[in-house]
N, C-alpha and C. Protein backbone atom coordinates (compact mmCIF):
# COMPACT_ATOMS: atom_id res chain seq x y z
N MET A 1 0.84 -1.17 0.00
CA MET A 1 0.00 0.00 0.00
C MET A 1 0.89 1.24 0.00
N SER A 2 0.62 2.18 -0.88
CA SER A 2 1.45 3.38 -0.96
C SER A 2 1.01 4.40 0.09
N ILE A 3 1.93 5.27 0.44
CA ILE A 3 1.67 6.31 1.43
C ILE A 3 1.16 7.56 0.73
N GLN A 4 0.08 8.11 1.24
CA GLN A 4 -0.43 9.38 0.74
C GLN A 4 0.48 10.47 1.29
N GLN A 5 1.20 11.16 0.40
CA GLN A 5 2.14 12.18 0.83
C GLN A 5 1.60 13.56 0.45
N TYR A 6 1.19 14.31 1.45
CA TYR A 6 0.69 15.66 1.25
C TYR A 6 1.84 16.63 1.45
N VAL A 7 2.02 17.54 0.51
CA VAL A 7 3.14 18.47 0.55
C VAL A 7 2.60 19.89 0.71
N VAL A 8 3.13 20.60 1.71
CA VAL A 8 2.79 22.00 1.93
C VAL A 8 4.01 22.82 1.54
N ARG A 9 3.82 23.79 0.66
CA ARG A 9 4.94 24.63 0.24
C ARG A 9 4.43 26.01 -0.13
N LYS A 10 5.32 26.99 -0.04
CA LYS A 10 4.95 28.35 -0.39
C LYS A 10 5.27 28.62 -1.85
N GLN A 11 4.30 29.16 -2.54
CA GLN A 11 4.47 29.54 -3.94
C GLN A 11 3.94 30.96 -4.09
N ASP A 12 4.82 31.89 -4.37
CA ASP A 12 4.47 33.31 -4.43
C ASP A 12 3.86 33.72 -3.09
N ARG A 13 2.59 34.13 -3.08
CA ARG A 13 1.96 34.60 -1.85
C ARG A 13 1.08 33.57 -1.17
N LEU A 14 0.94 32.40 -1.78
CA LEU A 14 0.06 31.37 -1.23
C LEU A 14 0.84 30.18 -0.69
N TRP A 15 0.30 29.56 0.32
CA TRP A 15 0.78 28.27 0.80
C TRP A 15 -0.09 27.22 0.13
N GLU A 16 0.54 26.32 -0.61
CA GLU A 16 -0.18 25.31 -1.38
C GLU A 16 -0.10 23.94 -0.72
N VAL A 17 -1.16 23.16 -0.91
CA VAL A 17 -1.20 21.77 -0.45
C VAL A 17 -1.31 20.90 -1.69
N TRP A 18 -0.36 19.99 -1.86
CA TRP A 18 -0.28 19.11 -3.02
C TRP A 18 -0.39 17.65 -2.60
N LEU A 19 -0.98 16.85 -3.46
CA LEU A 19 -0.95 15.39 -3.34
C LEU A 19 -0.47 14.90 -4.70
N GLY A 20 0.79 14.46 -4.75
CA GLY A 20 1.38 14.10 -6.04
C GLY A 20 1.44 15.32 -6.93
N ARG A 21 0.86 15.22 -8.11
CA ARG A 21 0.86 16.35 -9.05
C ARG A 21 -0.43 17.16 -8.98
N GLU A 22 -1.28 16.85 -8.01
CA GLU A 22 -2.58 17.51 -7.90
C GLU A 22 -2.55 18.59 -6.82
N LEU A 23 -2.84 19.82 -7.22
CA LEU A 23 -2.96 20.92 -6.26
C LEU A 23 -4.32 20.80 -5.58
N LEU A 24 -4.30 20.60 -4.26
CA LEU A 24 -5.56 20.42 -3.52
C LEU A 24 -6.09 21.73 -2.97
N SER A 25 -5.19 22.64 -2.60
CA SER A 25 -5.63 23.87 -1.96
C SER A 25 -4.54 24.92 -1.99
N GLY A 26 -4.95 26.17 -1.98
CA GLY A 26 -4.05 27.30 -1.81
C GLY A 26 -4.59 28.16 -0.69
N GLN A 27 -3.77 28.45 0.31
CA GLN A 27 -4.21 29.19 1.49
C GLN A 27 -3.30 30.39 1.72
N PRO A 28 -3.82 31.45 2.32
CA PRO A 28 -3.01 32.65 2.53
C PRO A 28 -1.95 32.52 3.63
N THR A 29 -2.15 31.59 4.57
CA THR A 29 -1.18 31.45 5.65
C THR A 29 -0.71 30.00 5.77
N TYR A 30 0.46 29.87 6.39
CA TYR A 30 1.02 28.54 6.64
C TYR A 30 0.09 27.72 7.52
N ASP A 31 -0.42 28.32 8.59
CA ASP A 31 -1.28 27.60 9.52
C ASP A 31 -2.53 27.06 8.83
N GLU A 32 -3.14 27.86 7.98
CA GLU A 32 -4.34 27.39 7.27
C GLU A 32 -4.00 26.25 6.31
N ALA A 33 -2.88 26.35 5.63
CA ALA A 33 -2.48 25.28 4.71
C ALA A 33 -2.18 24.00 5.47
N LEU A 34 -1.52 24.12 6.61
CA LEU A 34 -1.23 22.94 7.42
C LEU A 34 -2.51 22.31 7.94
N ASN A 35 -3.48 23.12 8.34
CA ASN A 35 -4.78 22.59 8.78
C ASN A 35 -5.47 21.82 7.67
N VAL A 36 -5.42 22.34 6.44
CA VAL A 36 -6.03 21.65 5.30
C VAL A 36 -5.31 20.32 5.05
N ALA A 37 -3.97 20.36 5.06
CA ALA A 37 -3.20 19.13 4.84
C ALA A 37 -3.51 18.09 5.92
N GLU A 38 -3.62 18.53 7.16
CA GLU A 38 -3.94 17.60 8.25
C GLU A 38 -5.32 17.00 8.05
N ALA A 39 -6.28 17.79 7.62
CA ALA A 39 -7.63 17.27 7.39
C ALA A 39 -7.62 16.20 6.30
N PHE A 40 -6.93 16.46 5.20
CA PHE A 40 -6.82 15.46 4.13
C PHE A 40 -6.11 14.20 4.63
N ALA A 41 -5.01 14.39 5.35
CA ALA A 41 -4.22 13.25 5.82
C ALA A 41 -5.02 12.40 6.82
N TYR A 42 -5.70 13.04 7.76
CA TYR A 42 -6.48 12.29 8.74
C TYR A 42 -7.65 11.55 8.07
N ALA A 43 -8.25 12.18 7.05
CA ALA A 43 -9.33 11.49 6.32
C ALA A 43 -8.78 10.26 5.61
N ALA A 44 -7.59 10.36 5.05
CA ALA A 44 -6.97 9.21 4.38
C ALA A 44 -6.69 8.10 5.39
N VAL A 45 -6.20 8.46 6.57
CA VAL A 45 -5.92 7.47 7.61
C VAL A 45 -7.21 6.77 8.02
N GLN A 46 -8.29 7.52 8.13
CA GLN A 46 -9.58 6.92 8.49
C GLN A 46 -10.03 5.90 7.45
N ARG A 47 -9.61 6.10 6.19
CA ARG A 47 -9.92 5.14 5.12
C ARG A 47 -8.92 4.00 5.07
N GLY A 48 -7.94 4.01 5.98
CA GLY A 48 -6.95 2.94 6.02
C GLY A 48 -5.73 3.18 5.16
N GLN A 49 -5.54 4.40 4.65
CA GLN A 49 -4.39 4.72 3.81
C GLN A 49 -3.32 5.44 4.64
N PRO A 50 -2.12 4.87 4.74
CA PRO A 50 -1.05 5.56 5.48
C PRO A 50 -0.77 6.92 4.85
N SER A 51 -0.54 7.92 5.69
CA SER A 51 -0.34 9.28 5.19
C SER A 51 0.77 9.98 5.94
N LYS A 52 1.33 10.99 5.29
CA LYS A 52 2.29 11.86 5.95
C LYS A 52 2.20 13.22 5.29
N ILE A 53 2.66 14.22 6.04
CA ILE A 53 2.69 15.59 5.55
C ILE A 53 4.15 16.01 5.45
N MET A 54 4.52 16.54 4.30
CA MET A 54 5.86 17.07 4.09
C MET A 54 5.75 18.59 3.98
N ILE A 55 6.61 19.29 4.70
CA ILE A 55 6.65 20.75 4.64
C ILE A 55 7.91 21.15 3.90
N GLY A 56 7.72 21.85 2.79
CA GLY A 56 8.87 22.35 2.04
C GLY A 56 9.41 23.61 2.70
N THR A 57 10.71 23.64 2.95
CA THR A 57 11.33 24.82 3.57
C THR A 57 11.98 25.68 2.50
N PHE A 58 12.39 26.87 2.90
CA PHE A 58 12.96 27.80 1.94
C PHE A 58 14.33 27.38 1.43
N ASP A 59 15.04 26.55 2.21
CA ASP A 59 16.37 26.10 1.77
C ASP A 59 16.32 24.77 1.02
N GLY A 60 15.11 24.32 0.68
CA GLY A 60 14.97 23.10 -0.11
C GLY A 60 14.90 21.81 0.68
N VAL A 61 14.98 21.90 2.00
CA VAL A 61 14.89 20.72 2.85
C VAL A 61 13.43 20.49 3.20
N ALA A 62 12.99 19.23 3.16
CA ALA A 62 11.62 18.91 3.52
C ALA A 62 11.57 18.31 4.92
N ILE A 63 10.58 18.74 5.69
CA ILE A 63 10.35 18.23 7.03
C ILE A 63 9.12 17.33 6.98
N GLU A 64 9.21 16.15 7.59
CA GLU A 64 8.12 15.18 7.53
C GLU A 64 7.33 15.15 8.84
N PHE A 65 6.01 15.13 8.69
CA PHE A 65 5.10 14.95 9.82
C PHE A 65 4.29 13.69 9.56
N PRO A 66 4.65 12.56 10.15
CA PRO A 66 3.86 11.34 9.94
C PRO A 66 2.50 11.47 10.64
N ILE A 67 1.50 10.91 10.02
CA ILE A 67 0.15 10.90 10.58
C ILE A 67 -0.12 9.49 11.07
N LEU A 68 -0.32 9.37 12.35
CA LEU A 68 -0.55 8.06 12.95
C LEU A 68 -2.03 7.75 13.01
N PRO A 69 -2.39 6.48 12.89
CA PRO A 69 -3.80 6.12 13.02
C PRO A 69 -4.28 6.42 14.43
N PRO A 70 -5.56 6.71 14.58
CA PRO A 70 -6.07 6.98 15.92
C PRO A 70 -5.95 5.73 16.78
N PRO A 71 -5.76 5.92 18.09
CA PRO A 71 -5.64 4.74 18.96
C PRO A 71 -6.95 3.96 18.99
N ARG A 72 -6.82 2.66 19.09
CA ARG A 72 -8.01 1.82 19.19
C ARG A 72 -8.57 1.96 20.59
N ARG A 73 -9.88 2.03 20.66
CA ARG A 73 -10.53 2.17 21.95
C ARG A 73 -11.19 0.86 22.32
N SER A 74 -11.02 0.50 23.55
CA SER A 74 -11.65 -0.73 24.02
C SER A 74 -13.11 -0.43 24.35
N PRO A 75 -13.97 -1.44 24.37
CA PRO A 75 -15.38 -1.22 24.71
C PRO A 75 -15.55 -0.59 26.09
N ARG A 76 -14.62 -0.83 26.99
CA ARG A 76 -14.71 -0.22 28.32
C ARG A 76 -14.53 1.29 28.25
N ASP A 77 -13.69 1.78 27.29
CA ASP A 77 -13.45 3.21 27.17
C ASP A 77 -14.68 3.96 26.66
N VAL A 78 -15.51 3.28 25.87
CA VAL A 78 -16.67 3.91 25.26
C VAL A 78 -17.77 4.12 26.29
N ALA A 79 -17.90 3.23 27.23
CA ALA A 79 -18.98 3.29 28.21
C ALA A 79 -18.82 4.38 29.23
């Protein structure tokens, strides 16, 4: 199973969120773009697809944020 890799990077005045070659979103701030990337990544994890978020930095180095599946809850925790 391949990993869904969401990339957040700044292009001109917008922070963009990419999945492969597909531009998913353009946001005015880094925080908003990261929130969008997290929403996409968590939705993918809920569907059983491993995901991670890569942040492109100004010096060309990428920082990785792995998205972990939510912890399993026991029936006792729900009650």
